N, C-alpha and C. Protein backbone atom coordinates (compact mmCIF):
# COMPACT_ATOMS: atom_id res chain seq x y z
N MET A 1 0.43 316.68 31.46
CA MET A 1 0.40 315.41 30.81
C MET A 1 -0.76 315.41 29.82
N ALA A 2 -0.48 315.08 28.61
CA ALA A 2 -1.52 315.05 27.58
C ALA A 2 -2.12 313.65 27.52
N SER A 3 -3.40 313.59 27.27
CA SER A 3 -4.06 312.32 27.12
C SER A 3 -5.09 312.43 26.01
N PRO A 4 -5.47 311.30 25.42
CA PRO A 4 -6.42 311.36 24.32
C PRO A 4 -7.79 311.83 24.77
N SER A 5 -8.47 312.44 23.88
CA SER A 5 -9.84 312.89 24.12
C SER A 5 -10.75 312.17 23.15
N SER A 6 -11.99 311.96 23.55
CA SER A 6 -12.92 311.29 22.64
C SER A 6 -13.22 312.17 21.43
N ASP A 7 -12.91 313.46 21.51
CA ASP A 7 -13.13 314.38 20.40
C ASP A 7 -11.98 314.36 19.40
N GLY A 8 -10.94 313.61 19.68
CA GLY A 8 -9.83 313.52 18.75
C GLY A 8 -8.53 314.08 19.28
N PRO A 9 -8.37 315.42 19.33
CA PRO A 9 -7.07 315.95 19.72
C PRO A 9 -6.77 315.72 21.20
N ALA A 10 -5.46 315.70 21.50
CA ALA A 10 -5.04 315.50 22.88
C ALA A 10 -5.50 316.68 23.73
N ARG A 11 -5.75 316.40 25.01
CA ARG A 11 -6.14 317.45 25.95
C ARG A 11 -5.23 317.37 27.16
N GLU A 12 -5.12 318.45 27.88
CA GLU A 12 -4.35 318.43 29.10
C GLU A 12 -5.17 317.72 30.17
N ALA A 13 -4.57 316.78 30.86
CA ALA A 13 -5.27 316.03 31.89
C ALA A 13 -4.87 316.58 33.26
N GLU A 14 -5.84 316.62 34.15
CA GLU A 14 -5.56 317.02 35.52
C GLU A 14 -6.18 315.98 36.44
N ILE A 15 -5.34 315.37 37.26
CA ILE A 15 -5.78 314.41 38.24
C ILE A 15 -5.59 315.04 39.61
N ARG A 16 -6.62 315.00 40.42
CA ARG A 16 -6.53 315.50 41.79
C ARG A 16 -6.64 314.31 42.73
N LEU A 17 -5.77 314.28 43.75
CA LEU A 17 -5.71 313.17 44.69
C LEU A 17 -5.60 313.74 46.09
N TRP A 18 -6.51 313.33 46.99
CA TRP A 18 -6.45 313.82 48.36
C TRP A 18 -6.98 312.75 49.30
N ARG A 19 -6.73 312.97 50.57
CA ARG A 19 -7.14 312.02 51.60
C ARG A 19 -8.37 312.54 52.33
N GLU A 20 -9.35 311.66 52.54
CA GLU A 20 -10.54 311.96 53.33
C GLU A 20 -10.69 310.84 54.35
N GLY A 21 -10.38 311.13 55.58
CA GLY A 21 -10.43 310.09 56.62
C GLY A 21 -9.44 309.00 56.31
N ASP A 22 -9.93 307.77 56.25
CA ASP A 22 -9.03 306.64 55.97
C ASP A 22 -9.03 306.24 54.50
N ARG A 23 -9.60 307.07 53.63
CA ARG A 23 -9.68 306.78 52.20
C ARG A 23 -8.94 307.84 51.40
N TRP A 24 -8.48 307.43 50.21
CA TRP A 24 -7.92 308.36 49.23
C TRP A 24 -8.96 308.59 48.15
N VAL A 25 -9.08 309.81 47.69
CA VAL A 25 -10.04 310.17 46.66
C VAL A 25 -9.25 310.67 45.45
N ALA A 26 -9.62 310.21 44.26
CA ALA A 26 -8.96 310.62 43.02
C ALA A 26 -10.01 311.10 42.04
N THR A 27 -9.73 312.24 41.40
CA THR A 27 -10.65 312.81 40.42
C THR A 27 -9.91 313.10 39.13
N ASP A 28 -10.49 312.69 38.01
CA ASP A 28 -10.02 313.11 36.69
C ASP A 28 -10.89 314.30 36.33
N VAL A 29 -10.31 315.48 36.42
CA VAL A 29 -11.08 316.71 36.25
C VAL A 29 -11.69 316.80 34.86
N GLY A 30 -10.93 316.47 33.83
CA GLY A 30 -11.42 316.56 32.46
C GLY A 30 -12.59 315.64 32.17
N ALA A 31 -12.54 314.42 32.72
CA ALA A 31 -13.60 313.45 32.49
C ALA A 31 -14.76 313.63 33.46
N GLY A 32 -14.50 314.34 34.58
CA GLY A 32 -15.53 314.52 35.58
C GLY A 32 -15.84 313.24 36.34
N VAL A 33 -14.81 312.42 36.56
CA VAL A 33 -14.98 311.12 37.22
C VAL A 33 -14.19 311.13 38.52
N THR A 34 -14.81 310.63 39.60
CA THR A 34 -14.17 310.56 40.91
C THR A 34 -14.32 309.16 41.47
N THR A 35 -13.24 308.65 42.10
CA THR A 35 -13.26 307.35 42.75
C THR A 35 -12.54 307.45 44.07
N GLN A 36 -12.51 306.36 44.80
CA GLN A 36 -11.78 306.32 46.06
C GLN A 36 -11.13 304.96 46.24
N GLY A 37 -10.24 304.87 47.21
CA GLY A 37 -9.59 303.60 47.51
C GLY A 37 -8.92 303.68 48.87
N ARG A 38 -8.51 302.53 49.38
CA ARG A 38 -7.86 302.48 50.70
C ARG A 38 -6.44 303.04 50.66
N SER A 39 -5.85 303.04 49.48
CA SER A 39 -4.50 303.60 49.31
C SER A 39 -4.51 304.51 48.09
N ARG A 40 -3.44 305.27 47.94
CA ARG A 40 -3.32 306.14 46.76
C ARG A 40 -3.36 305.29 45.50
N THR A 41 -2.63 304.19 45.53
CA THR A 41 -2.58 303.31 44.36
C THR A 41 -3.95 302.76 44.03
N ASP A 42 -4.69 302.31 45.05
CA ASP A 42 -6.05 301.79 44.82
C ASP A 42 -6.95 302.87 44.20
N ALA A 43 -6.88 304.08 44.74
CA ALA A 43 -7.72 305.16 44.24
C ALA A 43 -7.40 305.46 42.78
N LEU A 44 -6.12 305.48 42.43
CA LEU A 44 -5.72 305.77 41.05
C LEU A 44 -6.08 304.63 40.10
N GLU A 45 -5.92 303.38 40.56
CA GLU A 45 -6.32 302.24 39.72
C GLU A 45 -7.83 302.24 39.50
N ASN A 46 -8.58 302.54 40.56
CA ASN A 46 -10.04 302.63 40.42
C ASN A 46 -10.42 303.76 39.46
N LEU A 47 -9.67 304.85 39.51
CA LEU A 47 -9.93 305.98 38.61
C LEU A 47 -9.68 305.56 37.16
N ASP A 48 -8.61 304.84 36.91
CA ASP A 48 -8.34 304.35 35.55
C ASP A 48 -9.52 303.53 35.03
N ASP A 49 -10.01 302.62 35.86
CA ASP A 49 -11.15 301.78 35.45
C ASP A 49 -12.40 302.62 35.21
N ALA A 50 -12.68 303.55 36.12
CA ALA A 50 -13.89 304.37 36.00
C ALA A 50 -13.85 305.27 34.78
N VAL A 51 -12.70 305.84 34.48
CA VAL A 51 -12.57 306.69 33.29
C VAL A 51 -12.75 305.85 32.03
N ALA A 52 -12.20 304.63 32.03
CA ALA A 52 -12.36 303.75 30.87
C ALA A 52 -13.84 303.43 30.64
N VAL A 53 -14.57 303.16 31.72
CA VAL A 53 -16.00 302.90 31.59
C VAL A 53 -16.72 304.15 31.11
N HIS A 54 -16.36 305.28 31.69
CA HIS A 54 -16.98 306.56 31.31
C HIS A 54 -16.77 306.86 29.83
N GLU A 55 -15.58 306.54 29.34
CA GLU A 55 -15.26 306.81 27.94
C GLU A 55 -15.63 305.64 27.04
N ASP A 56 -16.35 304.66 27.60
CA ASP A 56 -16.87 303.51 26.86
C ASP A 56 -15.78 302.69 26.19
N SER A 57 -14.63 302.56 26.86
CA SER A 57 -13.57 301.75 26.29
C SER A 57 -13.45 300.40 26.98
N ARG A 58 -14.43 300.06 27.82
CA ARG A 58 -14.47 298.75 28.47
C ARG A 58 -15.83 298.14 28.23
N GLY A 59 -15.96 296.90 28.58
CA GLY A 59 -17.25 296.25 28.49
C GLY A 59 -17.48 295.52 27.17
N ARG A 60 -16.43 295.35 26.38
CA ARG A 60 -16.58 294.63 25.12
C ARG A 60 -16.70 293.14 25.40
N GLU A 61 -17.21 292.43 24.44
CA GLU A 61 -17.35 290.98 24.55
C GLU A 61 -15.97 290.32 24.45
N SER A 62 -15.74 289.31 25.26
CA SER A 62 -14.47 288.59 25.24
C SER A 62 -14.30 287.84 23.93
N THR A 63 -13.06 287.76 23.46
CA THR A 63 -12.78 286.97 22.27
C THR A 63 -12.66 285.49 22.67
N ASP A 64 -12.78 284.60 21.70
CA ASP A 64 -12.63 283.18 21.98
C ASP A 64 -11.26 282.88 22.57
N GLU A 65 -10.23 283.56 22.08
CA GLU A 65 -8.88 283.36 22.59
C GLU A 65 -8.78 283.76 24.06
N GLU A 66 -9.39 284.89 24.43
CA GLU A 66 -9.37 285.33 25.83
C GLU A 66 -10.10 284.34 26.72
N LEU A 67 -11.22 283.82 26.25
CA LEU A 67 -11.96 282.82 27.03
C LEU A 67 -11.11 281.58 27.27
N ARG A 68 -10.43 281.12 26.22
CA ARG A 68 -9.57 279.93 26.36
C ARG A 68 -8.45 280.17 27.37
N GLU A 69 -7.89 281.40 27.39
CA GLU A 69 -6.82 281.73 28.35
C GLU A 69 -7.30 281.56 29.79
N TYR A 70 -8.59 281.75 30.03
CA TYR A 70 -9.16 281.60 31.37
C TYR A 70 -9.76 280.22 31.60
N GLY A 71 -9.50 279.31 30.66
CA GLY A 71 -9.97 277.94 30.82
C GLY A 71 -11.45 277.75 30.51
N ILE A 72 -12.01 278.65 29.70
CA ILE A 72 -13.42 278.56 29.32
C ILE A 72 -13.51 278.12 27.87
N ASP A 73 -14.31 277.11 27.62
CA ASP A 73 -14.53 276.65 26.25
C ASP A 73 -15.57 277.57 25.61
N PRO A 74 -15.19 278.31 24.56
CA PRO A 74 -16.13 279.24 23.93
C PRO A 74 -17.43 278.57 23.47
N ALA A 75 -17.37 277.30 23.09
CA ALA A 75 -18.57 276.60 22.65
C ALA A 75 -19.57 276.44 23.79
N ASP A 76 -19.07 276.40 25.03
CA ASP A 76 -19.94 276.25 26.20
C ASP A 76 -20.33 277.60 26.80
N ASN A 77 -19.87 278.68 26.22
CA ASN A 77 -20.09 280.01 26.78
C ASN A 77 -21.27 280.70 26.10
N SER A 78 -22.46 280.22 26.39
CA SER A 78 -23.66 280.85 25.84
C SER A 78 -24.80 280.63 26.80
N THR A 79 -25.82 281.43 26.66
CA THR A 79 -27.00 281.28 27.51
C THR A 79 -28.01 280.36 26.85
N GLY A 80 -27.73 279.93 25.62
CA GLY A 80 -28.66 279.05 24.92
C GLY A 80 -30.00 279.73 24.73
N ASP A 81 -31.06 279.03 25.08
CA ASP A 81 -32.41 279.58 24.93
C ASP A 81 -32.85 280.36 26.16
N ARG A 82 -32.01 280.37 27.20
CA ARG A 82 -32.39 281.07 28.43
C ARG A 82 -32.23 282.57 28.28
N ASP A 83 -33.05 283.34 29.01
CA ASP A 83 -32.91 284.78 29.03
C ASP A 83 -31.72 285.15 29.89
N SER A 84 -31.09 286.28 29.57
CA SER A 84 -29.98 286.78 30.38
C SER A 84 -30.51 287.22 31.74
N PRO A 85 -29.70 287.11 32.78
CA PRO A 85 -30.11 287.60 34.10
C PRO A 85 -30.42 289.10 34.02
N ASP A 86 -31.30 289.57 34.89
CA ASP A 86 -31.71 290.98 34.90
C ASP A 86 -30.53 291.94 34.96
N VAL A 87 -29.47 291.57 35.69
CA VAL A 87 -28.33 292.47 35.83
C VAL A 87 -27.57 292.65 34.54
N LEU A 88 -27.78 291.77 33.57
CA LEU A 88 -27.08 291.87 32.30
C LEU A 88 -27.92 292.48 31.20
N VAL A 89 -29.15 292.81 31.50
CA VAL A 89 -30.03 293.35 30.48
C VAL A 89 -29.94 294.85 30.43
């Protein structure tokens, strides 16, 4: 299965999935990312998220439209003069 690479051309992807005790472990060999989950599906979904973070394709700021979809008024979505919490710095 070919997947995009941050270097441009497609690369061959290898996913390894195995069971350790009561958990499933999934590794994206090319990205060097490993996750786990209670089921195969959980482990693979966690792997998708972890690879996205690893490849810096997540963590963008929400758009005003996305905020509205979740019932958040974008005008009220600011820290104002307050400093961001330590976990966000």
